[in-house]
Each structure stands twice: as C-alpha cells, then as structure tokens.
Amino acid sequence: EYDSVDLQQVSEPDVEPLAKFLKIHPRAVVKIIGYADIRGTKEYNRELGSRRAEEIKHRLVEGGVSEKNLRTEGRGAVDFIATNSTEAG
C-alpha cells in the first residue's frame, strides 16, 4: 500500500515459515530488503523501504527469531522487482 509499512494480507503466510526456518537454523542470517514504488523522493522511498524491512524484522522477532540473525536495508525504488510504472506494477 502507498505510504504504508503494514504487511499485506497476502504476505502474512510467508512470515511464519521463515521464522520457523530461522529458529531451526540459529546461525543463519537473513537480510530483509524493503522497497517502495517510484512516487516520492529517493530519500523518502529509501526511508519507507527501511521502515518496511524493519516491520518484517519486528514480526520475525515477535515469532521468536533472534534479532542478531536479521539485517535490514531500505532500497526504496532502486533495484525493484516490478516496473512500478503502473498501479499494477
């Protein structure tokens, strides 16, 4: 969602299996990368991406994952997966 750090409902089921994996493999380290679309300044989008990554980290920690196993990075609209040139993107 635009200007939001809330995890989309469609992504909710992905958090629990990752938390389970990380609890079984306590030496594994995961980098969580947050993205944003092309609306907004580069700085704003990077910060939004960072906050989104931190939200996932928070949920994993709530699920019992050690914070030391998680790294976060906000990339904003850089190196994005979809084109972001349309609402669907």
C-alpha atoms as a PDB file:
ATOM      1  CA  GLU A   1       0.000   0.000   0.000  1.00  0.00           C
ATOM      2  CA  TYR A   2       1.098   3.534  -0.742  1.00  0.00           C
ATOM      3  CA  ASP A   3       2.872   5.223   2.175  1.00  0.00           C
ATOM      4  CA  SER A   4       2.350   2.218   4.465  1.00  0.00           C
ATOM      5  CA  VAL A   5       4.559  -0.206   6.363  1.00  0.00           C
ATOM      6  CA  ASP A   6       1.720  -2.622   7.072  1.00  0.00           C
ATOM      7  CA  LEU A   7       2.298  -6.127   5.779  1.00  0.00           C
ATOM      8  CA  GLN A   8      -0.194  -7.009   3.084  1.00  0.00           C
ATOM      9  CA  GLN A   9      -2.530  -9.848   3.997  1.00  0.00           C
ATOM     10  CA  VAL A  10      -1.305 -11.896   1.024  1.00  0.00           C
ATOM     11  CA  SER A  11       2.219 -11.839   2.508  1.00  0.00           C
ATOM     12  CA  GLU A  12       1.242 -12.778   6.074  1.00  0.00           C
ATOM     13  CA  PRO A  13       1.641 -16.550   5.486  1.00  0.00           C
ATOM     14  CA  ASP A  14       5.281 -16.062   4.440  1.00  0.00           C
ATOM     15  CA  VAL A  15       6.460 -14.806   7.825  1.00  0.00           C
ATOM     16  CA  GLU A  16       5.783 -17.887   9.949  1.00  0.00           C
ATOM     17  CA  PRO A  17       7.707 -20.400   7.773  1.00  0.00           C
ATOM     18  CA  LEU A  18      10.684 -18.049   7.681  1.00  0.00           C
ATOM     19  CA  ALA A  19      10.565 -17.682  11.459  1.00  0.00           C
ATOM     20  CA  LYS A  20      10.441 -21.470  11.852  1.00  0.00           C
ATOM     21  CA  PHE A  21      13.389 -21.917   9.490  1.00  0.00           C
ATOM     22  CA  LEU A  22      15.469 -19.350  11.357  1.00  0.00           C
ATOM     23  CA  LYS A  23      14.698 -20.925  14.722  1.00  0.00           C
ATOM     24  CA  ILE A  24      15.783 -24.338  13.384  1.00  0.00           C
ATOM     25  CA  HIS A  25      18.925 -22.773  11.841  1.00  0.00           C
ATOM     26  CA  PRO A  26      20.037 -20.304  14.529  1.00  0.00           C
ATOM     27  CA  ARG A  27      23.306 -19.473  12.741  1.00  0.00           C
ATOM     28  CA  ALA A  28      21.559 -18.352   9.557  1.00  0.00           C
ATOM     29  CA  VAL A  29      21.484 -14.622   8.870  1.00  0.00           C
ATOM     30  CA  VAL A  30      18.799 -13.056   6.692  1.00  0.00           C
ATOM     31  CA  LYS A  31      18.847  -9.652   5.023  1.00  0.00           C
ATOM     32  CA  ILE A  32      15.384  -8.141   4.729  1.00  0.00           C
ATOM     33  CA  ILE A  33      15.188  -5.572   1.939  1.00  0.00           C
ATOM     34  CA  GLY A  34      12.342  -3.079   1.814  1.00  0.00           C
ATOM     35  CA  TYR A  35      11.180  -1.407  -1.373  1.00  0.00           C
ATOM     36  CA  ALA A  36       8.821   1.394  -2.364  1.00  0.00           C
ATOM     37  CA  ASP A  37       7.348   2.490  -5.654  1.00  0.00           C
ATOM     38  CA  ILE A  38       8.558   5.424  -7.725  1.00  0.00           C
ATOM     39  CA  ARG A  39       6.288   8.001  -6.086  1.00  0.00           C
ATOM     40  CA  GLY A  40       8.118  10.308  -3.700  1.00  0.00           C
ATOM     41  CA  THR A  41      11.724  11.418  -3.417  1.00  0.00           C
ATOM     42  CA  LYS A  42      14.618   8.977  -3.414  1.00  0.00           C
ATOM     43  CA  GLU A  43      15.263   9.749   0.251  1.00  0.00           C
ATOM     44  CA  TYR A  44      11.628   9.273   1.236  1.00  0.00           C
ATOM     45  CA  ASN A  45      11.363   5.995  -0.679  1.00  0.00           C
ATOM     46  CA  ARG A  46      14.576   4.660   0.851  1.00  0.00           C
ATOM     47  CA  GLU A  47      13.279   5.515   4.334  1.00  0.00           C
ATOM     48  CA  LEU A  48       9.899   3.920   3.587  1.00  0.00           C
ATOM     49  CA  GLY A  49      11.665   0.800   2.337  1.00  0.00           C
ATOM     50  CA  SER A  50      13.743   0.755   5.505  1.00  0.00           C
ATOM     51  CA  ARG A  51      10.645   1.028   7.698  1.00  0.00           C
ATOM     52  CA  ARG A  52       9.003  -1.787   5.740  1.00  0.00           C
ATOM     53  CA  ALA A  53      12.031  -4.023   6.270  1.00  0.00           C
ATOM     54  CA  GLU A  54      12.033  -3.150   9.976  1.00  0.00           C
ATOM     55  CA  GLU A  55       8.351  -4.151  10.206  1.00  0.00           C
ATOM     56  CA  ILE A  56       9.169  -7.624   8.873  1.00  0.00           C
ATOM     57  CA  LYS A  57      12.100  -7.847  11.283  1.00  0.00           C
ATOM     58  CA  HIS A  58       9.787  -6.908  14.148  1.00  0.00           C
ATOM     59  CA  ARG A  59       7.322  -9.641  13.189  1.00  0.00           C
ATOM     60  CA  LEU A  60      10.078 -12.241  12.984  1.00  0.00           C
ATOM     61  CA  VAL A  61      11.426 -11.232  16.394  1.00  0.00           C
ATOM     62  CA  GLU A  62       7.888 -11.493  17.782  1.00  0.00           C
ATOM     63  CA  GLY A  63       7.855 -15.013  16.302  1.00  0.00           C
ATOM     64  CA  GLY A  64      10.909 -15.987  18.326  1.00  0.00           C
ATOM     65  CA  VAL A  65      13.749 -15.210  15.909  1.00  0.00           C
ATOM     66  CA  SER A  66      16.878 -13.686  17.410  1.00  0.00           C
ATOM     67  CA  GLU A  67      17.410 -10.096  16.338  1.00  0.00           C
ATOM     68  CA  LYS A  68      21.101 -10.871  15.766  1.00  0.00           C
ATOM     69  CA  ASN A  69      20.073 -13.069  12.810  1.00  0.00           C
ATOM     70  CA  LEU A  70      18.320 -10.258  10.963  1.00  0.00           C
ATOM     71  CA  ARG A  71      19.664  -7.383   8.904  1.00  0.00           C
ATOM     72  CA  THR A  72      17.546  -4.745   7.207  1.00  0.00           C
ATOM     73  CA  GLU A  73      18.051  -2.440   4.276  1.00  0.00           C
ATOM     74  CA  GLY A  74      15.801   0.075   2.568  1.00  0.00           C
ATOM     75  CA  ARG A  75      16.263   0.408  -1.165  1.00  0.00           C
ATOM     76  CA  GLY A  76      13.220   2.491  -1.995  1.00  0.00           C
ATOM     77  CA  ALA A  77      12.593   2.445  -5.737  1.00  0.00           C
ATOM     78  CA  VAL A  78      16.093   1.180  -6.615  1.00  0.00           C
ATOM     79  CA  ASP A  79      16.573  -2.364  -7.941  1.00  0.00           C
ATOM     80  CA  PHE A  80      12.862  -3.015  -7.649  1.00  0.00           C
ATOM     81  CA  ILE A  81      11.213  -6.231  -8.786  1.00  0.00           C
ATOM     82  CA  ALA A  82       8.294  -4.728 -10.736  1.00  0.00           C
ATOM     83  CA  THR A  83       8.439  -1.770 -13.104  1.00  0.00           C
ATOM     84  CA  ASN A  84       6.398   0.491 -10.806  1.00  0.00           C
ATOM     85  CA  SER A  85       5.327   2.412 -13.889  1.00  0.00           C
ATOM     86  CA  THR A  86       1.668   1.431 -13.445  1.00  0.00           C
ATOM     87  CA  GLU A  87      -0.622   0.856 -10.486  1.00  0.00           C
ATOM     88  CA  ALA A  88      -0.389  -2.902 -11.092  1.00  0.00           C
ATOM     89  CA  GLY A  89       3.414  -2.705 -11.222  1.00  0.00           C
END
